Every structure is written in C-alpha cells, then in structure tokens.
C-alpha atoms as a PDB file:
ATOM      1  CA  UNK A   1     144.869 147.598   6.811  1.00  0.00           C
ATOM      2  CA  UNK A   2     142.749 149.988   4.800  1.00  0.00           C
ATOM      3  CA  UNK A   3     143.592 148.884   1.268  1.00  0.00           C
ATOM      4  CA  UNK A   4     140.561 146.883   0.229  1.00  0.00           C
ATOM      5  CA  UNK A   5     137.859 149.462   1.018  1.00  0.00           C
ATOM      6  CA  UNK A   6     139.766 151.861  -1.248  1.00  0.00           C
ATOM      7  CA  UNK A   7     140.158 149.067  -3.767  1.00  0.00           C
ATOM      8  CA  UNK A   8     136.427 148.473  -3.987  1.00  0.00           C
ATOM      9  CA  UNK A   9     135.537 152.142  -4.165  1.00  0.00           C
ATOM     10  CA  UNK A  10     138.083 152.792  -6.890  1.00  0.00           C
ATOM     11  CA  UNK A  11     137.690 149.698  -9.035  1.00  0.00           C
ATOM     12  CA  UNK A  12     134.028 148.772  -8.937  1.00  0.00           C
ATOM     13  CA  UNK A  13     133.123 152.394  -9.619  1.00  0.00           C
ATOM     14  CA  UNK A  14     134.436 151.884 -13.145  1.00  0.00           C
ATOM     15  CA  UNK A  15     131.803 149.330 -14.034  1.00  0.00           C
ATOM     16  CA  UNK A  16     128.482 150.542 -15.298  1.00  0.00           C
ATOM     17  CA  UNK A  17     126.402 147.570 -14.258  1.00  0.00           C
ATOM     18  CA  UNK A  18     126.706 143.862 -13.520  1.00  0.00           C
ATOM     19  CA  UNK A  19     124.596 140.772 -13.613  1.00  0.00           C
ATOM     20  CA  UNK A  20     121.915 140.795 -10.937  1.00  0.00           C
ATOM     21  CA  UNK A  21     122.454 137.207  -9.935  1.00  0.00           C
ATOM     22  CA  UNK A  22     125.422 134.837  -9.935  1.00  0.00           C
ATOM     23  CA  UNK A  23     124.047 132.068  -7.758  1.00  0.00           C
ATOM     24  CA  UNK A  24     124.262 133.227  -4.153  1.00  0.00           C
ATOM     25  CA  UNK A  25     121.389 133.393  -1.692  1.00  0.00           C
ATOM     26  CA  UNK A  26     118.970 136.326  -1.487  1.00  0.00           C
ATOM     27  CA  UNK A  27     120.942 138.085   1.236  1.00  0.00           C
ATOM     28  CA  UNK A  28     124.214 137.974  -0.640  1.00  0.00           C
ATOM     29  CA  UNK A  29     125.674 135.578   1.913  1.00  0.00           C
ATOM     30  CA  UNK A  30     127.300 132.212   1.461  1.00  0.00           C
ATOM     31  CA  UNK A  31     124.012 130.284   1.215  1.00  0.00           C
ATOM     32  CA  UNK A  32     123.600 126.849  -0.275  1.00  0.00           C
ATOM     33  CA  UNK A  33     125.684 127.731  -3.316  1.00  0.00           C
ATOM     34  CA  UNK A  34     128.773 128.944  -1.431  1.00  0.00           C
ATOM     35  CA  UNK A  35     130.936 126.693  -3.622  1.00  0.00           C
ATOM     36  CA  UNK A  36     130.237 129.106  -6.483  1.00  0.00           C
ATOM     37  CA  UNK A  37     131.485 132.076  -4.482  1.00  0.00           C
ATOM     38  CA  UNK A  38     135.034 133.175  -3.669  1.00  0.00           C
ATOM     39  CA  UNK A  39     137.895 131.063  -4.965  1.00  0.00           C
ATOM     40  CA  UNK A  40     139.870 127.886  -4.303  1.00  0.00           C
ATOM     41  CA  UNK A  41     142.921 129.960  -3.292  1.00  0.00           C
ATOM     42  CA  UNK A  42     143.693 133.621  -2.528  1.00  0.00           C
ATOM     43  CA  UNK A  43     145.132 133.901  -6.038  1.00  0.00           C
ATOM     44  CA  UNK A  44     141.973 132.392  -7.523  1.00  0.00           C
ATOM     45  CA  UNK A  45     139.613 134.846  -5.822  1.00  0.00           C
ATOM     46  CA  UNK A  46     141.905 137.756  -6.719  1.00  0.00           C
ATOM     47  CA  UNK A  47     141.865 136.667 -10.365  1.00  0.00           C
ATOM     48  CA  UNK A  48     138.089 136.242 -10.235  1.00  0.00           C
ATOM     49  CA  UNK A  49     137.600 139.753  -8.828  1.00  0.00           C
ATOM     50  CA  UNK A  50     139.933 141.212 -11.440  1.00  0.00           C
ATOM     51  CA  UNK A  51     138.100 139.366 -14.206  1.00  0.00           C
ATOM     52  CA  UNK A  52     134.720 140.518 -12.874  1.00  0.00           C
ATOM     53  CA  UNK A  53     135.840 144.148 -13.100  1.00  0.00           C
ATOM     54  CA  UNK A  54     137.128 143.658 -16.632  1.00  0.00           C
ATOM     55  CA  UNK A  55     133.783 142.107 -17.630  1.00  0.00           C
ATOM     56  CA  UNK A  56     131.763 144.804 -15.816  1.00  0.00           C
ATOM     57  CA  UNK A  57     130.240 142.072 -13.651  1.00  0.00           C
ATOM     58  CA  UNK A  58     129.661 143.689 -10.259  1.00  0.00           C
ATOM     59  CA  UNK A  59     127.559 140.749  -9.106  1.00  0.00           C
ATOM     60  CA  UNK A  60     130.499 138.398  -9.493  1.00  0.00           C
ATOM     61  CA  UNK A  61     132.795 140.931  -7.834  1.00  0.00           C
ATOM     62  CA  UNK A  62     130.407 141.031  -4.861  1.00  0.00           C
ATOM     63  CA  UNK A  63     130.751 137.291  -4.205  1.00  0.00           C
ATOM     64  CA  UNK A  64     134.519 137.671  -4.042  1.00  0.00           C
ATOM     65  CA  UNK A  65     134.078 139.730  -0.858  1.00  0.00           C
ATOM     66  CA  UNK A  66     133.986 137.901   2.478  1.00  0.00           C
ATOM     67  CA  UNK A  67     130.315 137.325   3.442  1.00  0.00           C
ATOM     68  CA  UNK A  68     130.793 139.078   6.785  1.00  0.00           C
ATOM     69  CA  UNK A  69     132.011 142.210   4.993  1.00  0.00           C
ATOM     70  CA  UNK A  70     129.364 142.549   2.300  1.00  0.00           C
ATOM     71  CA  UNK A  71     127.216 144.971   4.304  1.00  0.00           C
ATOM     72  CA  UNK A  72     130.235 147.270   4.429  1.00  0.00           C
ATOM     73  CA  UNK A  73     130.720 146.976   0.667  1.00  0.00           C
ATOM     74  CA  UNK A  74     127.084 147.960   0.107  1.00  0.00           C
ATOM     75  CA  UNK A  75     127.383 150.863   2.531  1.00  0.00           C
ATOM     76  CA  UNK A  76     130.490 152.217   0.833  1.00  0.00           C
ATOM     77  CA  UNK A  77     128.571 152.487  -2.415  1.00  0.00           C
ATOM     78  CA  UNK A  78     125.590 153.987  -0.614  1.00  0.00           C
ATOM     79  CA  UNK A  79     127.976 156.647   0.663  1.00  0.00           C
ATOM     80  CA  UNK A  80     129.601 157.193  -2.729  1.00  0.00           C
ATOM     81  CA  UNK A  81     126.210 157.240  -4.434  1.00  0.00           C
ATOM     82  CA  UNK A  82     124.878 159.785  -1.982  1.00  0.00           C
ATOM     83  CA  UNK A  83     127.924 162.000  -2.444  1.00  0.00           C
ATOM     84  CA  UNK A  84     127.513 161.882  -6.214  1.00  0.00           C
ATOM     85  CA  UNK A  85     124.020 163.426  -5.973  1.00  0.00           C
ATOM     86  CA  UNK A  86     125.226 166.670  -4.423  1.00  0.00           C
ATOM     87  CA  UNK A  87     123.841 169.588  -6.404  1.00  0.00           C
ATOM     88  CA  UNK A  88     121.737 167.278  -8.602  1.00  0.00           C
ATOM     89  CA  UNK A  89     118.086 167.110  -7.515  1.00  0.00           C
ATOM     90  CA  UNK A  90     117.130 164.563 -10.170  1.00  0.00           C
ATOM     91  CA  UNK A  91     119.991 162.257  -9.199  1.00  0.00           C
ATOM     92  CA  UNK A  92     118.996 162.553  -5.553  1.00  0.00           C
ATOM     93  CA  UNK A  93     115.431 161.463  -6.355  1.00  0.00           C
ATOM     94  CA  UNK A  94     116.788 158.539  -8.380  1.00  0.00           C
ATOM     95  CA  UNK A  95     119.089 157.557  -5.503  1.00  0.00           C
ATOM     96  CA  UNK A  96     116.327 157.725  -2.895  1.00  0.00           C
ATOM     97  CA  UNK A  97     114.021 155.657  -5.119  1.00  0.00           C
ATOM     98  CA  UNK A  98     116.741 153.020  -5.530  1.00  0.00           C
ATOM     99  CA  UNK A  99     117.196 152.663  -1.766  1.00  0.00           C
ATOM    100  CA  UNK A 100     113.448 152.588  -1.133  1.00  0.00           C
ATOM    101  CA  UNK A 101     113.016 149.897  -3.792  1.00  0.00           C
ATOM    102  CA  UNK A 102     115.411 147.626  -1.896  1.00  0.00           C
ATOM    103  CA  UNK A 103     113.989 148.309   1.563  1.00  0.00           C
ATOM    104  CA  UNK A 104     116.723 150.588   2.899  1.00  0.00           C
ATOM    105  CA  UNK A 105     115.201 153.001   5.448  1.00  0.00           C
ATOM    106  CA  UNK A 106     115.482 156.727   4.858  1.00  0.00           C
ATOM    107  CA  UNK A 107     118.450 158.271   6.627  1.00  0.00           C
ATOM    108  CA  UNK A 108     117.876 161.628   8.292  1.00  0.00           C
ATOM    109  CA  UNK A 109     120.444 164.396   8.213  1.00  0.00           C
ATOM    110  CA  UNK A 110     123.303 163.606  10.578  1.00  0.00           C
ATOM    111  CA  UNK A 111     122.231 160.007  11.080  1.00  0.00           C
ATOM    112  CA  UNK A 112     124.344 157.052  10.101  1.00  0.00           C
ATOM    113  CA  UNK A 113     126.576 154.340  11.539  1.00  0.00           C
ATOM    114  CA  UNK A 114     129.591 155.166  13.695  1.00  0.00           C
ATOM    115  CA  UNK A 115     132.440 154.675  11.234  1.00  0.00           C
ATOM    116  CA  UNK A 116     135.038 154.941  14.012  1.00  0.00           C
ATOM    117  CA  UNK A 117     133.815 151.812  15.816  1.00  0.00           C
ATOM    118  CA  UNK A 118     133.932 148.645  13.706  1.00  0.00           C
ATOM    119  CA  UNK A 119     131.644 146.620  16.005  1.00  0.00           C
ATOM    120  CA  UNK A 120     129.012 149.369  16.204  1.00  0.00           C
ATOM    121  CA  UNK A 121     129.322 149.930  12.475  1.00  0.00           C
ATOM    122  CA  UNK A 122     128.551 146.296  11.669  1.00  0.00           C
ATOM    123  CA  UNK A 123     125.639 146.267  14.091  1.00  0.00           C
ATOM    124  CA  UNK A 124     124.181 149.440  12.592  1.00  0.00           C
ATOM    125  CA  UNK A 125     124.545 148.138   9.039  1.00  0.00           C
ATOM    126  CA  UNK A 126     122.854 144.859   9.968  1.00  0.00           C
ATOM    127  CA  UNK A 127     119.840 146.869  11.163  1.00  0.00           C
ATOM    128  CA  UNK A 128     119.940 149.183   8.152  1.00  0.00           C
ATOM    129  CA  UNK A 129     119.806 146.273   5.721  1.00  0.00           C
ATOM    130  CA  UNK A 130     117.499 144.033   7.752  1.00  0.00           C
ATOM    131  CA  UNK A 131     114.706 144.376   5.181  1.00  0.00           C
ATOM    132  CA  UNK A 132     116.904 144.133   2.095  1.00  0.00           C
ATOM    133  CA  UNK A 133     116.029 140.878   0.365  1.00  0.00           C
ATOM    134  CA  UNK A 134     118.903 140.862  -2.130  1.00  0.00           C
ATOM    135  CA  UNK A 135     122.027 142.728  -1.037  1.00  0.00           C
ATOM    136  CA  UNK A 136     123.904 141.659  -4.116  1.00  0.00           C
ATOM    137  CA  UNK A 137     121.270 143.236  -6.382  1.00  0.00           C
ATOM    138  CA  UNK A 138     121.407 146.413  -4.274  1.00  0.00           C
ATOM    139  CA  UNK A 139     125.198 146.463  -4.601  1.00  0.00           C
ATOM    140  CA  UNK A 140     124.997 146.039  -8.370  1.00  0.00           C
ATOM    141  CA  UNK A 141     122.494 148.878  -8.743  1.00  0.00           C
ATOM    142  CA  UNK A 142     124.485 151.156  -6.456  1.00  0.00           C
ATOM    143  CA  UNK A 143     127.604 150.467  -8.541  1.00  0.00           C
ATOM    144  CA  UNK A 144     125.702 151.386 -11.697  1.00  0.00           C
ATOM    145  CA  UNK A 145     124.303 154.528 -10.093  1.00  0.00           C
ATOM    146  CA  UNK A 146     127.704 155.626  -8.814  1.00  0.00           C
ATOM    147  CA  UNK A 147     129.325 155.003 -12.171  1.00  0.00           C
ATOM    148  CA  UNK A 148     126.613 157.087 -13.819  1.00  0.00           C
ATOM    149  CA  UNK A 149     126.928 160.090 -11.529  1.00  0.00           C
ATOM    150  CA  UNK A 150     130.420 160.103  -9.985  1.00  0.00           C
ATOM    151  CA  UNK A 151     133.130 162.290 -11.514  1.00  0.00           C
ATOM    152  CA  UNK A 152     136.255 160.518 -10.254  1.00  0.00           C
ATOM    153  CA  UNK A 153     136.923 157.155 -11.882  1.00  0.00           C
ATOM    154  CA  UNK A 154     140.155 155.318 -11.182  1.00  0.00           C
ATOM    155  CA  UNK A 155     141.107 151.732 -10.466  1.00  0.00           C
ATOM    156  CA  UNK A 156     143.551 149.792  -8.317  1.00  0.00           C
ATOM    157  CA  UNK A 157     142.651 146.430  -9.805  1.00  0.00           C
ATOM    158  CA  UNK A 158     143.119 146.969 -13.500  1.00  0.00           C
ATOM    159  CA  UNK A 159     144.806 144.877 -16.137  1.00  0.00           C
ATOM    160  CA  UNK A 160     148.241 146.011 -14.939  1.00  0.00           C
ATOM    161  CA  UNK A 161     147.848 144.613 -11.415  1.00  0.00           C
ATOM    162  CA  UNK A 162     149.005 141.321  -9.945  1.00  0.00           C
ATOM    163  CA  UNK A 163     148.989 139.577  -6.576  1.00  0.00           C
ATOM    164  CA  UNK A 164     152.337 138.938  -4.886  1.00  0.00           C
ATOM    165  CA  UNK A 165     153.923 137.832  -1.607  1.00  0.00           C
ATOM    166  CA  UNK A 166     150.904 135.806  -0.488  1.00  0.00           C
ATOM    167  CA  UNK A 167     151.337 134.133   2.898  1.00  0.00           C
ATOM    168  CA  UNK A 168     148.673 131.807   4.238  1.00  0.00           C
ATOM    169  CA  UNK A 169     148.197 131.183   7.954  1.00  0.00           C
ATOM    170  CA  UNK A 170     145.343 128.803   8.635  1.00  0.00           C
ATOM    171  CA  UNK A 171     142.122 130.456   7.470  1.00  0.00           C
ATOM    172  CA  UNK A 172     143.682 133.836   6.737  1.00  0.00           C
ATOM    173  CA  UNK A 173     146.164 135.141   4.206  1.00  0.00           C
ATOM    174  CA  UNK A 174     147.952 138.382   3.419  1.00  0.00           C
ATOM    175  CA  UNK A 175     149.478 139.642   0.217  1.00  0.00           C
ATOM    176  CA  UNK A 176     150.176 142.705  -1.877  1.00  0.00           C
ATOM    177  CA  UNK A 177     148.511 144.170  -4.942  1.00  0.00           C
ATOM    178  CA  UNK A 178     151.298 145.254  -7.283  1.00  0.00           C
ATOM    179  CA  UNK A 179     150.973 147.603 -10.236  1.00  0.00           C
ATOM    180  CA  UNK A 180     153.398 147.839 -13.126  1.00  0.00           C
ATOM    181  CA  UNK A 181     154.344 151.351 -12.035  1.00  0.00           C
ATOM    182  CA  UNK A 182     155.752 149.894  -8.811  1.00  0.00           C
ATOM    183  CA  UNK A 183     152.941 150.930  -6.479  1.00  0.00           C
ATOM    184  CA  UNK A 184     151.786 148.293  -3.977  1.00  0.00           C
ATOM    185  CA  UNK A 185     148.804 147.995  -1.631  1.00  0.00           C
ATOM    186  CA  UNK A 186     148.127 145.398   1.092  1.00  0.00           C
ATOM    187  CA  UNK A 187     145.257 142.955   0.776  1.00  0.00           C
ATOM    188  CA  UNK A 188     143.898 140.285   3.104  1.00  0.00           C
ATOM    189  CA  UNK A 189     141.883 137.125   2.560  1.00  0.00           C
ATOM    190  CA  UNK A 190     139.756 134.847   4.720  1.00  0.00           C
ATOM    191  CA  UNK A 191     138.806 131.212   4.216  1.00  0.00           C
ATOM    192  CA  UNK A 192     135.228 130.158   4.917  1.00  0.00           C
ATOM    193  CA  UNK A 193     133.690 126.756   4.206  1.00  0.00           C
ATOM    194  CA  UNK A 194     136.709 125.839   2.126  1.00  0.00           C
ATOM    195  CA  UNK A 195     136.554 128.963  -0.065  1.00  0.00           C
ATOM    196  CA  UNK A 196     138.774 132.055  -0.031  1.00  0.00           C
ATOM    197  CA  UNK A 197     137.385 135.604  -0.023  1.00  0.00           C
ATOM    198  CA  UNK A 198     138.796 139.120  -0.012  1.00  0.00           C
ATOM    199  CA  UNK A 199     138.493 140.870   3.343  1.00  0.00           C
ATOM    200  CA  UNK A 200     137.357 144.405   4.118  1.00  0.00           C
ATOM    201  CA  UNK A 201     139.270 145.510   7.183  1.00  0.00           C
ATOM    202  CA  UNK A 202     139.531 148.708   9.183  1.00  0.00           C
END
C-alpha cells in the first residue's frame, strides 16, 4: 500500500507553516503526552489530520502519523525540499541551513538511504536523525520550506474527502479515502497505547 506517502507529500505541501509544538516529546515520538496524539478511532485521527491541513497546522498533522513512521515523513519532505531547490542557489543555501540547524548531517552526492529496502531505510533514517532534538519542528519547517519553493501543489485530503469502508482487526485497520469525484485511495491505521495513528507503508 503506497497511498499514505503520496497523501502526505500532496496534502501537507499545501500548508505554509504549522505550530512548532503540540505537546509531544522532543523526538516527535509518543512520549509522556501520547494521549494528545493520534485519535480515539481511525475516523478520529483521519478527521484530526484533515482538520490540521485545513488549519495549516503541520505540527498537529505530524502527530497523526504513527510514531514508527515519522522519520519517513520527515525524509519525504527532505527529499521534496531538496528537489525544490534545483536551479535556485539561494534556496539551496536556505535548505542546507535548515538541515544544519536541526542537526541533520550533510548528505554527499549519491548518498542516501536505500529506498528499496524498508528495513535498511528505517535504520539509515534513524542514524540520519540521531542528533535531531525535535523531529516535529524539523517536519514543520520542511513543510514550510517545500510550500515556499515547490511548484506542484495538490491535495488528496481536502475538504471533499471522507473516510469509508474502515475495518478494524486488533491493533490495525484499513479503509479508503474517498473524494467527491469518485476517486479512492487506500489508507491504513495502527493502534499504539490505546491511540490510533495513520500508517506510512511501502
């Protein structure tokens, strides 16, 4: 299932900037305030994510993502942000300064995580962000940067979307994102510490 990575790239890119803090721990993980993250049900976290986008609150959108998948969410915006600097020297300097500010090591040409191997990808991202004190703040700033410099801006989680056909099985759930034009995309959820989150899958 590849829907949610596309969802994040296409919907959060619309927002210019979000709040830098919505109560989670410094690393953007569940932390002591996990009850404030995610949602009581798959529908609740979907509605929260949709509302966060409408309010341009990328920080709140970030805590709707499963904690184990937040490194991937950050990386996707690192990738999008980097792509948006092509042919723009000033934007590239701004991008590099942003990453340095948050403790992300400089990536040499040709380097980067193996995107074809999920396990290796997660391991590489854990090392890449080992010195990042606040992943949520990094995510928020990367969203703002991407919105500022990217040309393509579209959304799969706009006001015309709804969640349908949700089926829960223990600590996981699957459903579909439906748009008024009839288009549908799959989405998955995971339950952790009694809270539901949206899952980034491969």
